[in-house]
Amino acid sequence: MGHDVALGFVAAGVAVAVLSALGALAAGRDHYLRLHYVTPITSLAGPLVGIGLTIQNGWGLTSGEILLVVGLLAVSGPVAGAATGRLFAQADGTVRSEAPE
């Protein structure tokens, strides 16, 4: 039973990652639109795969490391996306390069 649940989580995470990648490809050359397709990978696909691997491995040091990496990805992914969006906006001249207000 645990193997089937783990496989379901991993399959869901992979499906989210593949659909996000296909959406980014379909978005064309608009880097703002493509940036929106990165967020589900870091905030949804990574944790789903990590939970699936943790269920499959059981509790232990390996599972702790997996959950640590997934937690760091979930926390740093949206921050990196926002910083990348601000960088794009500064390069386009949409916002000033000064500190945010």
PDB file of N, CA and C in Angstrom:
ATOM      1  N   MET A   1       0.812  -1.194   0.000  1.00  0.00           N
ATOM      2  CA  MET A   1       0.000   0.000   0.000  1.00  0.00           C
ATOM      3  C   MET A   1       0.859   1.262   0.000  1.00  0.00           C
ATOM      4  N   GLY A   2       1.914   1.293   0.852  1.00  0.00           N
ATOM      5  CA  GLY A   2       2.787   2.455   0.928  1.00  0.00           C
ATOM      6  C   GLY A   2       3.491   2.729  -0.384  1.00  0.00           C
ATOM      7  N   HIS A   3       3.860   1.659  -1.081  1.00  0.00           N
ATOM      8  CA  HIS A   3       4.534   1.831  -2.370  1.00  0.00           C
ATOM      9  C   HIS A   3       3.602   2.498  -3.378  1.00  0.00           C
ATOM     10  N   ASP A   4       2.330   2.119  -3.377  1.00  0.00           N
ATOM     11  CA  ASP A   4       1.372   2.712  -4.307  1.00  0.00           C
ATOM     12  C   ASP A   4       1.127   4.183  -3.998  1.00  0.00           C
ATOM     13  N   VAL A   5       1.056   4.521  -2.732  1.00  0.00           N
ATOM     14  CA  VAL A   5       0.867   5.928  -2.332  1.00  0.00           C
ATOM     15  C   VAL A   5       2.091   6.742  -2.732  1.00  0.00           C
ATOM     16  N   ALA A   6       3.282   6.188  -2.472  1.00  0.00           N
ATOM     17  CA  ALA A   6       4.519   6.884  -2.841  1.00  0.00           C
ATOM     18  C   ALA A   6       4.589   7.083  -4.351  1.00  0.00           C
ATOM     19  N   LEU A   7       4.230   6.057  -5.091  1.00  0.00           N
ATOM     20  CA  LEU A   7       4.232   6.160  -6.551  1.00  0.00           C
ATOM     21  C   LEU A   7       3.245   7.218  -7.031  1.00  0.00           C
ATOM     22  N   GLY A   8       2.101   7.318  -6.358  1.00  0.00           N
ATOM     23  CA  GLY A   8       1.122   8.344  -6.715  1.00  0.00           C
ATOM     24  C   GLY A   8       1.652   9.750  -6.499  1.00  0.00           C
ATOM     25  N   PHE A   9       2.329   9.967  -5.361  1.00  0.00           N
ATOM     26  CA  PHE A   9       2.910  11.287  -5.098  1.00  0.00           C
ATOM     27  C   PHE A   9       3.990  11.638  -6.116  1.00  0.00           C
ATOM     28  N   VAL A  10       4.868  10.688  -6.402  1.00  0.00           N
ATOM     29  CA  VAL A  10       5.945  10.945  -7.365  1.00  0.00           C
ATOM     30  C   VAL A  10       5.359  11.191  -8.754  1.00  0.00           C
ATOM     31  N   ALA A  11       4.373  10.401  -9.146  1.00  0.00           N
ATOM     32  CA  ALA A  11       3.749  10.586 -10.456  1.00  0.00           C
ATOM     33  C   ALA A  11       3.063  11.945 -10.557  1.00  0.00           C
ATOM     34  N   ALA A  12       2.407  12.368  -9.486  1.00  0.00           N
ATOM     35  CA  ALA A  12       1.765  13.688  -9.490  1.00  0.00           C
ATOM     36  C   ALA A  12       2.802  14.799  -9.600  1.00  0.00           C
ATOM     37  N   GLY A  13       3.915  14.656  -8.885  1.00  0.00           N
ATOM     38  CA  GLY A  13       4.973  15.657  -8.969  1.00  0.00           C
ATOM     39  C   GLY A  13       5.597  15.734 -10.347  1.00  0.00           C
ATOM     40  N   VAL A  14       5.828  14.578 -10.944  1.00  0.00           N
ATOM     41  CA  VAL A  14       6.391  14.552 -12.298  1.00  0.00           C
ATOM     42  C   VAL A  14       5.398  15.139 -13.292  1.00  0.00           C
ATOM     43  N   ALA A  15       4.111  14.841 -13.126  1.00  0.00           N
ATOM     44  CA  ALA A  15       3.100  15.398 -14.030  1.00  0.00           C
ATOM     45  C   ALA A  15       3.061  16.919 -13.934  1.00  0.00           C
ATOM     46  N   VAL A  16       3.148  17.459 -12.729  1.00  0.00           N
ATOM     47  CA  VAL A  16       3.160  18.917 -12.558  1.00  0.00           C
ATOM     48  C   VAL A  16       4.391  19.514 -13.247  1.00  0.00           C
ATOM     49  N   ALA A  17       5.544  18.880 -13.068  1.00  0.00           N
ATOM     50  CA  ALA A  17       6.775  19.395 -13.681  1.00  0.00           C
ATOM     51  C   ALA A  17       6.697  19.352 -15.207  1.00  0.00           C
ATOM     52  N   VAL A  18       6.196  18.268 -15.749  1.00  0.00           N
ATOM     53  CA  VAL A  18       6.098  18.140 -17.212  1.00  0.00           C
ATOM     54  C   VAL A  18       5.097  19.146 -17.773  1.00  0.00           C
ATOM     55  N   LEU A  19       3.937  19.275 -17.118  1.00  0.00           N
ATOM     56  CA  LEU A  19       2.948  20.238 -17.604  1.00  0.00           C
ATOM     57  C   LEU A  19       3.454  21.672 -17.500  1.00  0.00           C
ATOM     58  N   SER A  20       4.196  21.975 -16.455  1.00  0.00           N
ATOM     59  CA  SER A  20       4.772  23.319 -16.321  1.00  0.00           C
ATOM     60  C   SER A  20       5.809  23.583 -17.416  1.00  0.00           C
ATOM     61  N   ALA A  21       6.618  22.579 -17.710  1.00  0.00           N
ATOM     62  CA  ALA A  21       7.612  22.741 -18.771  1.00  0.00           C
ATOM     63  C   ALA A  21       6.941  22.924 -20.131  1.00  0.00           C
ATOM     64  N   LEU A  22       5.892  22.168 -20.390  1.00  0.00           N
ATOM     65  CA  LEU A  22       5.169  22.327 -21.652  1.00  0.00           C
ATOM     66  C   LEU A  22       4.492  23.694 -21.728  1.00  0.00           C
ATOM     67  N   GLY A  23       3.957  24.159 -20.606  1.00  0.00           N
ATOM     68  CA  GLY A  23       3.366  25.496 -20.581  1.00  0.00           C
ATOM     69  C   GLY A  23       4.394  26.580 -20.839  1.00  0.00           C
ATOM     70  N   ALA A  24       5.584  26.411 -20.285  1.00  0.00           N
ATOM     71  CA  ALA A  24       6.650  27.392 -20.520  1.00  0.00           C
ATOM     72  C   ALA A  24       7.074  27.395 -21.977  1.00  0.00           C
ATOM     73  N   LEU A  25       7.091  26.217 -22.592  1.00  0.00           N
ATOM     74  CA  LEU A  25       7.424  26.157 -24.012  1.00  0.00           C
ATOM     75  C   LEU A  25       6.339  26.817 -24.862  1.00  0.00           C
ATOM     76  N   ALA A  26       5.096  26.624 -24.486  1.00  0.00           N
ATOM     77  CA  ALA A  26       3.985  27.199 -25.243  1.00  0.00           C
ATOM     78  C   ALA A  26       3.874  28.707 -25.038  1.00  0.00           C
ATOM     79  N   ALA A  27       4.450  29.215 -23.965  1.00  0.00           N
ATOM     80  CA  ALA A  27       4.343  30.647 -23.666  1.00  0.00           C
ATOM     81  C   ALA A  27       5.112  31.508 -24.653  1.00  0.00           C
ATOM     82  N   GLY A  28       6.014  30.908 -25.395  1.00  0.00           N
ATOM     83  CA  GLY A  28       6.767  31.677 -26.374  1.00  0.00           C
ATOM     84  C   GLY A  28       7.932  32.417 -25.750  1.00  0.00           C
ATOM     85  N   ARG A  29       8.199  33.599 -26.260  1.00  0.00           N
ATOM     86  CA  ARG A  29       9.390  34.331 -25.850  1.00  0.00           C
ATOM     87  C   ARG A  29       9.114  35.345 -24.732  1.00  0.00           C
ATOM     88  N   ASP A  30       7.916  35.405 -24.226  1.00  0.00           N
ATOM     89  CA  ASP A  30       7.593  36.346 -23.157  1.00  0.00           C
ATOM     90  C   ASP A  30       8.156  35.815 -21.841  1.00  0.00           C
ATOM     91  N   HIS A  31       9.258  36.411 -21.365  1.00  0.00           N
ATOM     92  CA  HIS A  31       9.914  35.882 -20.180  1.00  0.00           C
ATOM     93  C   HIS A  31       9.095  36.081 -18.914  1.00  0.00           C
ATOM     94  N   TYR A  32       8.232  37.081 -18.874  1.00  0.00           N
ATOM     95  CA  TYR A  32       7.370  37.251 -17.704  1.00  0.00           C
ATOM     96  C   TYR A  32       6.364  36.098 -17.600  1.00  0.00           C
ATOM     97  N   LEU A  33       5.795  35.719 -18.715  1.00  0.00           N
ATOM     98  CA  LEU A  33       4.824  34.627 -18.730  1.00  0.00           C
ATOM     99  C   LEU A  33       5.499  33.295 -18.426  1.00  0.00           C
ATOM    100  N   ARG A  34       6.688  33.079 -18.984  1.00  0.00           N
ATOM    101  CA  ARG A  34       7.404  31.826 -18.717  1.00  0.00           C
ATOM    102  C   ARG A  34       7.805  31.705 -17.255  1.00  0.00           C
ATOM    103  N   LEU A  35       8.064  32.830 -16.615  1.00  0.00           N
ATOM    104  CA  LEU A  35       8.456  32.812 -15.208  1.00  0.00           C
ATOM    105  C   LEU A  35       7.336  32.263 -14.321  1.00  0.00           C
ATOM    106  N   HIS A  36       6.089  32.475 -14.724  1.00  0.00           N
ATOM    107  CA  HIS A  36       4.961  31.955 -13.958  1.00  0.00           C
ATOM    108  C   HIS A  36       4.902  30.430 -13.974  1.00  0.00           C
ATOM    109  N   TYR A  37       5.462  29.814 -14.985  1.00  0.00           N
ATOM    110  CA  TYR A  37       5.431  28.352 -15.071  1.00  0.00           C
ATOM    111  C   TYR A  37       6.522  27.689 -14.230  1.00  0.00           C
ATOM    112  N   VAL A  38       7.456  28.452 -13.711  1.00  0.00           N
ATOM    113  CA  VAL A  38       8.497  27.891 -12.849  1.00  0.00           C
ATOM    114  C   VAL A  38       7.962  27.673 -11.432  1.00  0.00           C
ATOM    115  N   THR A  39       7.064  28.506 -10.997  1.00  0.00           N
ATOM    116  CA  THR A  39       6.563  28.452  -9.626  1.00  0.00           C
ATOM    117  C   THR A  39       5.936  27.110  -9.248  1.00  0.00           C
ATOM    118  N   PRO A  40       5.095  26.494 -10.087  1.00  0.00           N
ATOM    119  CA  PRO A  40       4.543  25.190  -9.683  1.00  0.00           C
ATOM    120  C   PRO A  40       5.607  24.112  -9.522  1.00  0.00           C
ATOM    121  N   ILE A  41       6.707  24.235 -10.216  1.00  0.00           N
ATOM    122  CA  ILE A  41       7.758  23.223 -10.091  1.00  0.00           C
ATOM    123  C   ILE A  41       8.408  23.316  -8.718  1.00  0.00           C
ATOM    124  N   THR A  42       8.712  24.529  -8.280  1.00  0.00           N
ATOM    125  CA  THR A  42       9.389  24.670  -6.991  1.00  0.00           C
ATOM    126  C   THR A  42       8.444  24.539  -5.812  1.00  0.00           C
ATOM    127  N   SER A  43       7.192  24.975  -5.967  1.00  0.00           N
ATOM    128  CA  SER A  43       6.294  24.970  -4.816  1.00  0.00           C
ATOM    129  C   SER A  43       5.365  23.771  -4.760  1.00  0.00           C
ATOM    130  N   LEU A  44       5.228  23.010  -5.837  1.00  0.00           N
ATOM    131  CA  LEU A  44       4.311  21.880  -5.834  1.00  0.00           C
ATOM    132  C   LEU A  44       4.976  20.577  -6.262  1.00  0.00           C
ATOM    133  N   ALA A  45       5.670  20.585  -7.396  1.00  0.00           N
ATOM    134  CA  ALA A  45       6.263  19.342  -7.908  1.00  0.00           C
ATOM    135  C   ALA A  45       7.360  18.816  -6.982  1.00  0.00           C
ATOM    136  N   GLY A  46       8.233  19.693  -6.529  1.00  0.00           N
ATOM    137  CA  GLY A  46       9.314  19.269  -5.641  1.00  0.00           C
ATOM    138  C   GLY A  46       8.808  18.652  -4.346  1.00  0.00           C
ATOM    139  N   PRO A  47       7.888  19.331  -3.644  1.00  0.00           N
ATOM    140  CA  PRO A  47       7.349  18.717  -2.428  1.00  0.00           C
ATOM    141  C   PRO A  47       6.606  17.401  -2.674  1.00  0.00           C
ATOM    142  N   LEU A  48       5.876  17.288  -3.777  1.00  0.00           N
ATOM    143  CA  LEU A  48       5.177  16.035  -4.063  1.00  0.00           C
ATOM    144  C   LEU A  48       6.163  14.888  -4.258  1.00  0.00           C
ATOM    145  N   VAL A  49       7.212  15.134  -5.024  1.00  0.00           N
ATOM    146  CA  VAL A  49       8.227  14.093  -5.231  1.00  0.00           C
ATOM    147  C   VAL A  49       8.931  13.778  -3.915  1.00  0.00           C
ATOM    148  N   GLY A  50       9.249  14.793  -3.136  1.00  0.00           N
ATOM    149  CA  GLY A  50       9.907  14.578  -1.850  1.00  0.00           C
ATOM    150  C   GLY A  50       9.057  13.770  -0.885  1.00  0.00           C
ATOM    151  N   ILE A  51       7.764  14.056  -0.834  1.00  0.00           N
ATOM    152  CA  ILE A  51       6.867  13.281   0.034  1.00  0.00           C
ATOM    153  C   ILE A  51       6.790  11.841  -0.436  1.00  0.00           C
ATOM    154  N   GLY A  52       6.717  11.654  -1.751  1.00  0.00           N
ATOM    155  CA  GLY A  52       6.684  10.293  -2.286  1.00  0.00           C
ATOM    156  C   GLY A  52       7.943   9.513  -1.952  1.00  0.00           C
ATOM    157  N   LEU A  53       9.094  10.153  -2.080  1.00  0.00           N
ATOM    158  CA  LEU A  53      10.352   9.474  -1.751  1.00  0.00           C
ATOM    159  C   LEU A  53      10.457   9.184  -0.260  1.00  0.00           C
ATOM    160  N   THR A  54       9.946  10.088   0.557  1.00  0.00           N
ATOM    161  CA  THR A  54       9.964   9.873   2.004  1.00  0.00           C
ATOM    162  C   THR A  54       9.059   8.702   2.392  1.00  0.00           C
ATOM    163  N   ILE A  55       7.898   8.617   1.784  1.00  0.00           N
ATOM    164  CA  ILE A  55       7.001   7.495   2.063  1.00  0.00           C
ATOM    165  C   ILE A  55       7.647   6.183   1.632  1.00  0.00           C
ATOM    166  N   GLN A  56       8.302   6.191   0.489  1.00  0.00           N
ATOM    167  CA  GLN A  56       8.936   4.968  -0.024  1.00  0.00           C
ATOM    168  C   GLN A  56      10.111   4.530   0.853  1.00  0.00           C
ATOM    169  N   ASN A  57      10.925   5.480   1.317  1.00  0.00           N
ATOM    170  CA  ASN A  57      12.112   5.147   2.107  1.00  0.00           C
ATOM    171  C   ASN A  57      11.814   4.888   3.569  1.00  0.00           C
ATOM    172  N   GLY A  58      10.715   5.412   4.074  1.00  0.00           N
ATOM    173  CA  GLY A  58      10.442   5.315   5.500  1.00  0.00           C
ATOM    174  C   GLY A  58      11.219   6.400   6.237  1.00  0.00           C
ATOM    175  N   TRP A  59      11.013   6.478   7.561  1.00  0.00           N
ATOM    176  CA  TRP A  59      11.678   7.517   8.337  1.00  0.00           C
ATOM    177  C   TRP A  59      13.123   7.134   8.596  1.00  0.00           C
ATOM    178  N   GLY A  60      14.005   8.078   8.383  1.00  0.00           N
ATOM    179  CA  GLY A  60      15.422   7.855   8.610  1.00  0.00           C
ATOM    180  C   GLY A  60      16.213   9.071   8.182  1.00  0.00           C
ATOM    181  N   LEU A  61      17.520   8.922   8.162  1.00  0.00           N
ATOM    182  CA  LEU A  61      18.386  10.031   7.802  1.00  0.00           C
ATOM    183  C   LEU A  61      18.182  10.452   6.342  1.00  0.00           C
ATOM    184  N   THR A  62      18.018   9.488   5.463  1.00  0.00           N
ATOM    185  CA  THR A  62      17.805   9.813   4.052  1.00  0.00           C
ATOM    186  C   THR A  62      16.532  10.620   3.867  1.00  0.00           C
ATOM    187  N   SER A  63      15.470  10.211   4.535  1.00  0.00           N
ATOM    188  CA  SER A  63      14.210  10.946   4.435  1.00  0.00           C
ATOM    189  C   SER A  63      14.342  12.347   5.026  1.00  0.00           C
ATOM    190  N   GLY A  64      15.103  12.481   6.091  1.00  0.00           N
ATOM    191  CA  GLY A  64      15.343  13.802   6.662  1.00  0.00           C
ATOM    192  C   GLY A  64      16.070  14.709   5.690  1.00  0.00           C
ATOM    193  N   GLU A  65      17.046  14.169   4.995  1.00  0.00           N
ATOM    194  CA  GLU A  65      17.772  14.969   4.005  1.00  0.00           C
ATOM    195  C   GLU A  65      16.860  15.354   2.841  1.00  0.00           C
ATOM    196  N   ILE A  66      16.037  14.421   2.404  1.00  0.00           N
ATOM    197  CA  ILE A  66      15.097  14.723   1.313  1.00  0.00           C
ATOM    198  C   ILE A  66      14.159  15.843   1.734  1.00  0.00           C
ATOM    199  N   LEU A  67      13.594  15.747   2.932  1.00  0.00           N
ATOM    200  CA  LEU A  67      12.669  16.769   3.397  1.00  0.00           C
ATOM    201  C   LEU A  67      13.349  18.120   3.612  1.00  0.00           C
ATOM    202  N   LEU A  68      14.620  18.101   4.027  1.00  0.00           N
ATOM    203  CA  LEU A  68      15.364  19.353   4.169  1.00  0.00           C
ATOM    204  C   LEU A  68      15.543  20.039   2.819  1.00  0.00           C
ATOM    205  N   VAL A  69      15.946  19.277   1.823  1.00  0.00           N
ATOM    206  CA  VAL A  69      16.144  19.843   0.487  1.00  0.00           C
ATOM    207  C   VAL A  69      14.818  20.346  -0.088  1.00  0.00           C
ATOM    208  N   VAL A  70      13.755  19.573   0.082  1.00  0.00           N
ATOM    209  CA  VAL A  70      12.440  19.988  -0.414  1.00  0.00           C
ATOM    210  C   VAL A  70      11.968  21.243   0.307  1.00  0.00           C
ATOM    211  N   GLY A  71      12.192  21.318   1.604  1.00  0.00           N
ATOM    212  CA  GLY A  71      11.821  22.517   2.352  1.00  0.00           C
ATOM    213  C   GLY A  71      12.584  23.748   1.886  1.00  0.00           C
ATOM    214  N   LEU A  72      13.879  23.587   1.672  1.00  0.00           N
ATOM    215  CA  LEU A  72      14.676  24.714   1.169  1.00  0.00           C
ATOM    216  C   LEU A  72      14.221  25.140  -0.215  1.00  0.00           C
ATOM    217  N   LEU A  73      13.885  24.181  -1.053  1.00  0.00           N
ATOM    218  CA  LEU A  73      13.394  24.491  -2.400  1.00  0.00           C
ATOM    219  C   LEU A  73      12.058  25.220  -2.328  1.00  0.00           C
ATOM    220  N   ALA A  74      11.170  24.761  -1.468  1.00  0.00           N
ATOM    221  CA  ALA A  74       9.854  25.391  -1.346  1.00  0.00           C
ATOM    222  C   ALA A  74       9.951  26.809  -0.800  1.00  0.00           C
ATOM    223  N   VAL A  75      10.928  27.067   0.066  1.00  0.00           N
ATOM    224  CA  VAL A  75      11.085  28.405   0.636  1.00  0.00           C
ATOM    225  C   VAL A  75      11.838  29.328  -0.318  1.00  0.00           C
ATOM    226  N   SER A  76      12.884  28.828  -0.940  1.00  0.00           N
ATOM    227  CA  SER A  76      13.717  29.692  -1.776  1.00  0.00           C
ATOM    228  C   SER A  76      13.192  29.840  -3.205  1.00  0.00           C
ATOM    229  N   GLY A  77      12.375  28.925  -3.670  1.00  0.00           N
ATOM    230  CA  GLY A  77      11.863  28.998  -5.040  1.00  0.00           C
ATOM    231  C   GLY A  77      11.055  30.248  -5.328  1.00  0.00           C
ATOM    232  N   PRO A  78      10.039  30.552  -4.537  1.00  0.00           N
ATOM    233  CA  PRO A  78       9.276  31.777  -4.789  1.00  0.00           C
ATOM    234  C   PRO A  78      10.108  33.051  -4.638  1.00  0.00           C
ATOM    235  N   VAL A  79      11.051  33.054  -3.719  1.00  0.00           N
ATOM    236  CA  VAL A  79      11.917  34.226  -3.545  1.00  0.00           C
ATOM    237  C   VAL A  79      12.788  34.422  -4.784  1.00  0.00           C
ATOM    238  N   ALA A  80      13.343  33.336  -5.284  1.00  0.00           N
ATOM    239  CA  ALA A  80      14.158  33.430  -6.501  1.00  0.00           C
ATOM    240  C   ALA A  80      13.318  33.856  -7.699  1.00  0.00           C
ATOM    241  N   GLY A  81      12.079  33.395  -7.768  1.00  0.00           N
ATOM    242  CA  GLY A  81      11.188  33.810  -8.858  1.00  0.00           C
ATOM    243  C   GLY A  81      10.878  35.296  -8.809  1.00  0.00           C
ATOM    244  N   ALA A  82      10.614  35.806  -7.610  1.00  0.00           N
ATOM    245  CA  ALA A  82      10.345  37.236  -7.466  1.00  0.00           C
ATOM    246  C   ALA A  82      11.569  38.068  -7.810  1.00  0.00           C
ATOM    247  N   ALA A  83      12.752  37.610  -7.387  1.00  0.00           N
ATOM    248  CA  ALA A  83      13.984  38.335  -7.704  1.00  0.00           C
ATOM    249  C   ALA A  83      14.257  38.319  -9.211  1.00  0.00           C
ATOM    250  N   THR A  84      13.980  37.198  -9.844  1.00  0.00           N
ATOM    251  CA  THR A  84      14.175  37.110 -11.291  1.00  0.00           C
ATOM    252  C   THR A  84      13.204  38.031 -12.022  1.00  0.00           C
ATOM    253  N   GLY A  85      11.949  38.077 -11.577  1.00  0.00           N
ATOM    254  CA  GLY A  85      10.966  38.981 -12.181  1.00  0.00           C
ATOM    255  C   GLY A  85      11.366  40.438 -12.027  1.00  0.00           C
ATOM    256  N   ARG A  86      11.884  40.793 -10.853  1.00  0.00           N
ATOM    257  CA  ARG A  86      12.349  42.171 -10.650  1.00  0.00           C
ATOM    258  C   ARG A  86      13.534  42.481 -11.554  1.00  0.00           C
ATOM    259  N   LEU A  87      14.424  41.529 -11.733  1.00  0.00           N
ATOM    260  CA  LEU A  87      15.564  41.731 -12.616  1.00  0.00           C
ATOM    261  C   LEU A  87      15.108  41.960 -14.051  1.00  0.00           C
ATOM    262  N   PHE A  88      14.119  41.162 -14.503  1.00  0.00           N
ATOM    263  CA  PHE A  88      13.565  41.362 -15.845  1.00  0.00           C
ATOM    264  C   PHE A  88      12.946  42.752 -15.973  1.00  0.00           C
ATOM    265  N   ALA A  89      12.200  43.175 -14.952  1.00  0.00           N
ATOM    266  CA  ALA A  89      11.554  44.481 -14.991  1.00  0.00           C
ATOM    267  C   ALA A  89      12.578  45.607 -15.001  1.00  0.00           C
ATOM    268  N   GLN A  90      13.669  45.458 -14.259  1.00  0.00           N
ATOM    269  CA  GLN A  90      14.720  46.469 -14.277  1.00  0.00           C
ATOM    270  C   GLN A  90      15.395  46.526 -15.638  1.00  0.00           C
ATOM    271  N   ALA A  91      15.628  45.369 -16.244  1.00  0.00           N
ATOM    272  CA  ALA A  91      16.267  45.340 -17.554  1.00  0.00           C
ATOM    273  C   ALA A  91      15.370  45.960 -18.622  1.00  0.00           C
ATOM    274  N   ASP A  92      14.049  45.799 -18.478  1.00  0.00           N
ATOM    275  CA  ASP A  92      13.112  46.383 -19.442  1.00  0.00           C
ATOM    276  C   ASP A  92      12.844  47.854 -19.180  1.00  0.00           C
ATOM    277  N   GLY A  93      13.263  48.352 -18.017  1.00  0.00           N
ATOM    278  CA  GLY A  93      13.011  49.739 -17.671  1.00  0.00           C
ATOM    279  C   GLY A  93      11.650  49.962 -17.047  1.00  0.00           C
ATOM    280  N   THR A  94      10.950  48.894 -16.682  1.00  0.00           N
ATOM    281  CA  THR A  94       9.631  49.013 -16.073  1.00  0.00           C
ATOM    282  C   THR A  94       9.727  49.557 -14.665  1.00  0.00           C
ATOM    283  N   VAL A  95      10.731  49.135 -13.916  1.00  0.00           N
ATOM    284  CA  VAL A  95      10.959  49.642 -12.566  1.00  0.00           C
ATOM    285  C   VAL A  95      12.370  50.185 -12.476  1.00  0.00           C
ATOM    286  N   ARG A  96      12.567  51.092 -11.513  1.00  0.00           N
ATOM    287  CA  ARG A  96      13.901  51.647 -11.322  1.00  0.00           C
ATOM    288  C   ARG A  96      14.780  50.608 -10.644  1.00  0.00           C
ATOM    289  N   SER A  97      16.073  50.751 -10.807  1.00  0.00           N
ATOM    290  CA  SER A  97      16.998  49.798 -10.225  1.00  0.00           C
ATOM    291  C   SER A  97      17.321  50.117  -8.772  1.00  0.00           C
ATOM    292  N   GLU A  98      16.663  51.103  -8.202  1.00  0.00           N
ATOM    293  CA  GLU A  98      16.873  51.444  -6.802  1.00  0.00           C
ATOM    294  C   GLU A  98      16.198  50.394  -5.909  1.00  0.00           C
ATOM    295  N   ALA A  99      16.407  50.526  -4.627  1.00  0.00           N
ATOM    296  CA  ALA A  99      15.790  49.603  -3.668  1.00  0.00           C
ATOM    297  C   ALA A  99      14.262  49.736  -3.732  1.00  0.00           C
ATOM    298  N   PRO A 100      13.533  48.633  -3.498  1.00  0.00           N
ATOM    299  CA  PRO A 100      12.071  48.723  -3.520  1.00  0.00           C
ATOM    300  C   PRO A 100      11.546  49.605  -2.406  1.00  0.00           C
ATOM    301  N   GLU A 101      10.414  50.202  -2.639  1.00  0.00           N
ATOM    302  CA  GLU A 101       9.826  51.149  -1.687  1.00  0.00           C
ATOM    303  C   GLU A 101       8.761  50.511  -0.863  1.00  0.00           C
TER     304      GLU A 101
END
